[in-house]
C-alpha atoms as a PDB file:
ATOM      1  CA  MET A   1      22.023   6.340 -28.974  1.00  0.00           C
ATOM      2  CA  THR A   2      18.315   6.434 -30.149  1.00  0.00           C
ATOM      3  CA  LEU A   3      16.930   5.413 -33.646  1.00  0.00           C
ATOM      4  CA  PRO A   4      16.294   8.978 -34.726  1.00  0.00           C
ATOM      5  CA  GLU A   5      19.789   9.835 -33.481  1.00  0.00           C
ATOM      6  CA  LYS A   6      20.892   7.174 -35.907  1.00  0.00           C
ATOM      7  CA  GLY A   7      19.053   8.550 -38.809  1.00  0.00           C
ATOM      8  CA  PHE A   8      16.063   6.093 -38.681  1.00  0.00           C
ATOM      9  CA  ASP A   9      12.544   7.329 -39.595  1.00  0.00           C
ATOM     10  CA  ILE A  10      10.320   6.198 -36.618  1.00  0.00           C
ATOM     11  CA  SER A  11       7.046   7.875 -37.518  1.00  0.00           C
ATOM     12  CA  LEU A  12       5.405   4.534 -38.501  1.00  0.00           C
ATOM     13  CA  ILE A  13       6.290   2.822 -35.285  1.00  0.00           C
ATOM     14  CA  PRO A  14       3.329   2.897 -32.718  1.00  0.00           C
ATOM     15  CA  ASP A  15       3.962   4.801 -29.545  1.00  0.00           C
ATOM     16  CA  GLU A  16       3.619   1.651 -27.223  1.00  0.00           C
ATOM     17  CA  LEU A  17       6.472  -0.017 -28.980  1.00  0.00           C
ATOM     18  CA  LEU A  18       8.735   3.292 -28.900  1.00  0.00           C
ATOM     19  CA  ASN A  19       7.910   3.737 -25.169  1.00  0.00           C
ATOM     20  CA  PRO A  20       7.273   0.409 -23.635  1.00  0.00           C
ATOM     21  CA  LYS A  21       6.258   0.313 -20.115  1.00  0.00           C
ATOM     22  CA  GLU A  22       8.230  -1.517 -17.705  1.00  0.00           C
ATOM     23  CA  PRO A  23       6.864  -5.068 -17.314  1.00  0.00           C
ATOM     24  CA  GLU A  24       4.782  -5.578 -14.272  1.00  0.00           C
ATOM     25  CA  ILE A  25       6.458  -8.070 -12.002  1.00  0.00           C
ATOM     26  CA  ARG A  26       3.967 -10.664 -10.791  1.00  0.00           C
ATOM     27  CA  ILE A  27       4.583 -13.290  -8.033  1.00  0.00           C
ATOM     28  CA  PRO A  28       2.642 -16.363  -8.740  1.00  0.00           C
ATOM     29  CA  ASN A  29      -0.173 -17.035  -6.157  1.00  0.00           C
ATOM     30  CA  ALA A  30       0.669 -13.648  -4.438  1.00  0.00           C
ATOM     31  CA  GLU A  31      -3.210 -13.048  -4.096  1.00  0.00           C
ATOM     32  CA  ASN A  32      -5.317 -15.360  -2.319  1.00  0.00           C
ATOM     33  CA  ARG A  33      -6.299 -18.466  -4.189  1.00  0.00           C
ATOM     34  CA  PRO A  34     -10.024 -18.385  -5.409  1.00  0.00           C
ATOM     35  CA  TYR A  35     -12.557 -20.064  -3.521  1.00  0.00           C
ATOM     36  CA  ASN A  36     -13.145 -23.611  -4.357  1.00  0.00           C
ATOM     37  CA  GLN A  37     -15.755 -25.745  -2.622  1.00  0.00           C
ATOM     38  CA  SER A  38     -14.026 -28.995  -3.387  1.00  0.00           C
ATOM     39  CA  ASP A  39     -10.671 -27.815  -1.947  1.00  0.00           C
ATOM     40  CA  GLU A  40     -12.739 -26.813   1.151  1.00  0.00           C
ATOM     41  CA  ASP A  41     -14.350 -30.292   1.309  1.00  0.00           C
ATOM     42  CA  LEU A  42     -10.994 -31.903   0.770  1.00  0.00           C
ATOM     43  CA  GLY A  43      -9.439 -29.797   3.668  1.00  0.00           C
ATOM     44  CA  LYS A  44     -12.400 -30.738   6.102  1.00  0.00           C
ATOM     45  CA  GLN A  45     -11.964 -34.354   5.173  1.00  0.00           C
ATOM     46  CA  GLY A  46      -8.236 -34.213   5.826  1.00  0.00           C
ATOM     47  CA  GLU A  47      -8.848 -32.504   9.212  1.00  0.00           C
ATOM     48  CA  LEU A  48     -11.331 -35.132  10.251  1.00  0.00           C
ATOM     49  CA  VAL A  49      -8.650 -37.717   9.565  1.00  0.00           C
ATOM     50  CA  VAL A  50      -6.177 -35.833  11.740  1.00  0.00           C
ATOM     51  CA  PHE A  51      -8.514 -35.408  14.494  1.00  0.00           C
ATOM     52  CA  GLU A  52      -9.230 -39.293  14.607  1.00  0.00           C
ATOM     53  CA  LYS A  53      -5.638 -39.901  14.301  1.00  0.00           C
ATOM     54  CA  LEU A  54      -4.798 -37.558  17.371  1.00  0.00           C
ATOM     55  CA  LYS A  55      -7.542 -39.243  19.339  1.00  0.00           C
ATOM     56  CA  GLN A  56      -5.754 -42.658  18.553  1.00  0.00           C
ATOM     57  CA  ILE A  57      -2.332 -41.444  19.450  1.00  0.00           C
ATOM     58  CA  TYR A  58      -3.384 -39.680  22.747  1.00  0.00           C
ATOM     59  CA  THR A  59      -5.687 -42.519  23.914  1.00  0.00           C
ATOM     60  CA  LYS A  60      -3.061 -45.084  23.407  1.00  0.00           C
ATOM     61  CA  LYS A  61      -0.312 -42.868  24.882  1.00  0.00           C
ATOM     62  CA  TYR A  62      -2.250 -42.187  28.198  1.00  0.00           C
ATOM     63  CA  ASN A  63      -4.222 -45.535  28.136  1.00  0.00           C
ATOM     64  CA  GLN A  64      -7.434 -43.580  28.677  1.00  0.00           C
ATOM     65  CA  SER A  65     -10.509 -42.919  26.481  1.00  0.00           C
ATOM     66  CA  ALA A  66     -10.923 -39.645  24.905  1.00  0.00           C
ATOM     67  CA  THR A  67     -14.038 -37.386  25.911  1.00  0.00           C
ATOM     68  CA  GLU A  68     -15.483 -35.223  23.185  1.00  0.00           C
ATOM     69  CA  THR A  69     -15.783 -31.455  23.974  1.00  0.00           C
ATOM     70  CA  GLU A  70     -17.434 -28.740  21.996  1.00  0.00           C
ATOM     71  CA  THR A  71     -14.017 -27.724  20.667  1.00  0.00           C
ATOM     72  CA  GLY A  72     -12.188 -31.054  20.398  1.00  0.00           C
ATOM     73  CA  PHE A  73     -11.500 -33.723  22.979  1.00  0.00           C
ATOM     74  CA  LYS A  74      -9.665 -34.371  26.308  1.00  0.00           C
ATOM     75  CA  VAL A  75      -7.869 -37.383  27.586  1.00  0.00           C
ATOM     76  CA  GLY A  76      -7.902 -37.377  31.293  1.00  0.00           C
ATOM     77  CA  GLY A  77      -6.364 -34.215  32.798  1.00  0.00           C
ATOM     78  CA  SER A  78      -3.138 -34.560  30.678  1.00  0.00           C
ATOM     79  CA  ILE A  79      -4.212 -33.500  27.177  1.00  0.00           C
ATOM     80  CA  GLU A  80      -6.632 -31.296  25.420  1.00  0.00           C
ATOM     81  CA  VAL A  81      -6.937 -31.098  21.771  1.00  0.00           C
ATOM     82  CA  PHE A  82      -8.750 -27.927  20.123  1.00  0.00           C
ATOM     83  CA  TRP A  83      -9.955 -28.276  16.547  1.00  0.00           C
ATOM     84  CA  ARG A  84     -10.265 -24.779  15.249  1.00  0.00           C
ATOM     85  CA  ASN A  85     -12.782 -25.897  12.435  1.00  0.00           C
ATOM     86  CA  LYS A  86     -14.743 -28.433  14.221  1.00  0.00           C
ATOM     87  CA  ASN A  87     -18.033 -26.372  14.094  1.00  0.00           C
ATOM     88  CA  GLN A  88     -17.135 -23.858  11.530  1.00  0.00           C
ATOM     89  CA  THR A  89     -14.688 -22.906   8.869  1.00  0.00           C
ATOM     90  CA  THR A  90     -11.988 -20.462   9.949  1.00  0.00           C
ATOM     91  CA  THR A  91      -8.808 -19.046   8.282  1.00  0.00           C
ATOM     92  CA  ALA A  92      -6.673 -19.423  11.319  1.00  0.00           C
ATOM     93  CA  ASP A  93      -3.040 -19.979  11.273  1.00  0.00           C
ATOM     94  CA  HIS A  94      -3.402 -23.646  12.364  1.00  0.00           C
ATOM     95  CA  ASP A  95      -6.055 -26.274  12.457  1.00  0.00           C
ATOM     96  CA  PHE A  96      -5.401 -27.966  15.843  1.00  0.00           C
ATOM     97  CA  LYS A  97      -3.763 -26.957  19.050  1.00  0.00           C
ATOM     98  CA  VAL A  98      -2.742 -29.586  21.403  1.00  0.00           C
ATOM     99  CA  VAL A  99      -2.104 -28.706  25.019  1.00  0.00           C
ATOM    100  CA  GLU A 100      -0.187 -31.461  26.727  1.00  0.00           C
ATOM    101  CA  LEU A 101       1.058 -30.912  30.140  1.00  0.00           C
ATOM    102  CA  ASN A 102       0.900 -27.069  29.595  1.00  0.00           C
ATOM    103  CA  LYS A 103       2.927 -27.204  26.308  1.00  0.00           C
ATOM    104  CA  GLU A 104       1.347 -26.177  23.072  1.00  0.00           C
ATOM    105  CA  ILE A 105       1.799 -27.942  19.771  1.00  0.00           C
ATOM    106  CA  TYR A 106       0.180 -26.326  16.862  1.00  0.00           C
ATOM    107  CA  ILE A 107      -0.810 -28.593  13.791  1.00  0.00           C
ATOM    108  CA  ASP A 108      -1.938 -27.608  10.402  1.00  0.00           C
ATOM    109  CA  SER A 109      -3.579 -30.355   8.156  1.00  0.00           C
ATOM    110  CA  LYS A 110      -2.686 -30.365   4.504  1.00  0.00           C
ATOM    111  CA  ALA A 111      -4.790 -32.993   2.683  1.00  0.00           C
ATOM    112  CA  THR A 112      -4.377 -34.494  -0.932  1.00  0.00           C
ATOM    113  CA  THR A 113      -6.344 -37.230  -2.687  1.00  0.00           C
ATOM    114  CA  TYR A 114      -3.022 -38.699  -3.900  1.00  0.00           C
ATOM    115  CA  GLY A 115      -0.644 -41.110  -2.357  1.00  0.00           C
ATOM    116  CA  LYS A 116       2.777 -39.957  -0.895  1.00  0.00           C
ATOM    117  CA  ASN A 117       4.815 -41.386  -3.803  1.00  0.00           C
ATOM    118  CA  VAL A 118       3.167 -38.983  -6.438  1.00  0.00           C
ATOM    119  CA  GLU A 119       6.111 -37.253  -7.794  1.00  0.00           C
ATOM    120  CA  LYS A 120       5.135 -33.630  -6.901  1.00  0.00           C
ATOM    121  CA  LEU A 121       2.330 -32.436  -4.705  1.00  0.00           C
ATOM    122  CA  ALA A 122       1.608 -28.791  -3.938  1.00  0.00           C
ATOM    123  CA  LEU A 123       1.517 -27.710  -0.394  1.00  0.00           C
ATOM    124  CA  TYR A 124       0.202 -24.280   0.259  1.00  0.00           C
ATOM    125  CA  ILE A 125       1.253 -22.363   3.251  1.00  0.00           C
ATOM    126  CA  SER A 126      -0.496 -19.077   4.165  1.00  0.00           C
ATOM    127  CA  GLY A 127       1.377 -15.920   5.425  1.00  0.00           C
ATOM    128  CA  ASN A 128      -0.475 -16.380   8.667  1.00  0.00           C
ATOM    129  CA  GLU A 129       0.822 -19.989   8.991  1.00  0.00           C
ATOM    130  CA  LEU A 130       4.178 -19.023   8.303  1.00  0.00           C
ATOM    131  CA  ASN A 131       4.194 -16.394  10.879  1.00  0.00           C
ATOM    132  CA  LEU A 132       2.972 -18.819  13.628  1.00  0.00           C
ATOM    133  CA  MET A 133       5.528 -21.413  12.449  1.00  0.00           C
ATOM    134  CA  GLU A 134       8.258 -18.845  12.975  1.00  0.00           C
ATOM    135  CA  SER A 135       6.994 -17.963  16.502  1.00  0.00           C
ATOM    136  CA  ALA A 136       5.558 -21.237  17.914  1.00  0.00           C
ATOM    137  CA  ASP A 137       7.807 -23.603  19.947  1.00  0.00           C
ATOM    138  CA  LYS A 138       6.287 -26.484  18.117  1.00  0.00           C
ATOM    139  CA  TYR A 139       4.369 -26.451  14.656  1.00  0.00           C
ATOM    140  CA  LEU A 140       3.686 -29.574  12.703  1.00  0.00           C
ATOM    141  CA  ILE A 141       2.188 -30.097   9.375  1.00  0.00           C
ATOM    142  CA  ALA A 142      -0.131 -33.130   9.219  1.00  0.00           C
ATOM    143  CA  ARG A 143       0.097 -34.247   5.812  1.00  0.00           C
ATOM    144  CA  VAL A 144      -2.869 -36.390   4.833  1.00  0.00           C
ATOM    145  CA  TYR A 145      -2.463 -38.707   1.940  1.00  0.00           C
ATOM    146  CA  ASN A 146      -5.437 -40.413   0.088  1.00  0.00           C
ATOM    147  CA  ALA A 147      -7.706 -38.300   2.222  1.00  0.00           C
ATOM    148  CA  THR A 148     -10.904 -39.243   0.558  1.00  0.00           C
ATOM    149  CA  SER A 149     -10.248 -43.047   0.534  1.00  0.00           C
ATOM    150  CA  GLU A 150     -10.764 -45.561   3.337  1.00  0.00           C
ATOM    151  CA  ASN A 151      -6.659 -45.826   3.043  1.00  0.00           C
ATOM    152  CA  ALA A 152      -6.083 -42.352   4.306  1.00  0.00           C
ATOM    153  CA  SER A 153      -2.767 -41.873   6.092  1.00  0.00           C
ATOM    154  CA  VAL A 154      -1.227 -39.059   8.146  1.00  0.00           C
ATOM    155  CA  GLU A 155       2.438 -38.149   8.340  1.00  0.00           C
ATOM    156  CA  PHE A 156       3.375 -35.473  10.907  1.00  0.00           C
ATOM    157  CA  VAL A 157       6.218 -33.291   9.452  1.00  0.00           C
ATOM    158  CA  ARG A 158       8.048 -30.619  11.801  1.00  0.00           C
ATOM    159  CA  LEU A 159       8.970 -27.576  10.006  1.00  0.00           C
ATOM    160  CA  GLN A 160      11.448 -25.153  11.206  1.00  0.00           C
ATOM    161  CA  ILE A 161      12.382 -21.657  10.102  1.00  0.00           C
ATOM    162  CA  ASP A 162      16.015 -21.311  10.137  1.00  0.00           C
ATOM    163  CA  SER A 163      18.030 -17.973   9.661  1.00  0.00           C
ATOM    164  CA  LEU A 164      21.226 -18.998   7.920  1.00  0.00           C
ATOM    165  CA  THR A 165      24.050 -16.589   8.435  1.00  0.00           C
ATOM    166  CA  THR A 166      27.420 -16.606   6.726  1.00  0.00           C
END
């Protein structure tokens, strides 16, 4: 039952209060985050840390030196690492692709200036990254802590999309 039907005078009530529009449902961060040069610089620094860590890992694993390429590096004939953003900035669904014995590993670098023990750290994953994560055989997040310091460290995290059924 409406207010007039109940006998109330509604002539002084503004129309927008009488006929409110349905509130717009907004999903936080649904649109792209605004461009921020310091975020881009931090990301590039994190990728550089990951690039050097990958060189260290694979030169030790194969006991051979790395040969720099235009797109990354190679270690013998067994491994090639492609760094998508080595010479330019892209919005690709990964930062690195490792091809080892014809198997592909996709890696995305996520850098922060904080250490691992900070209580909460945001980790942004784009829709393109999520799509690749769902379809790739192996997709890793290279979480770079203290990225801008000499004490930067990398932790490789395997993420897996799972479809739970009841």
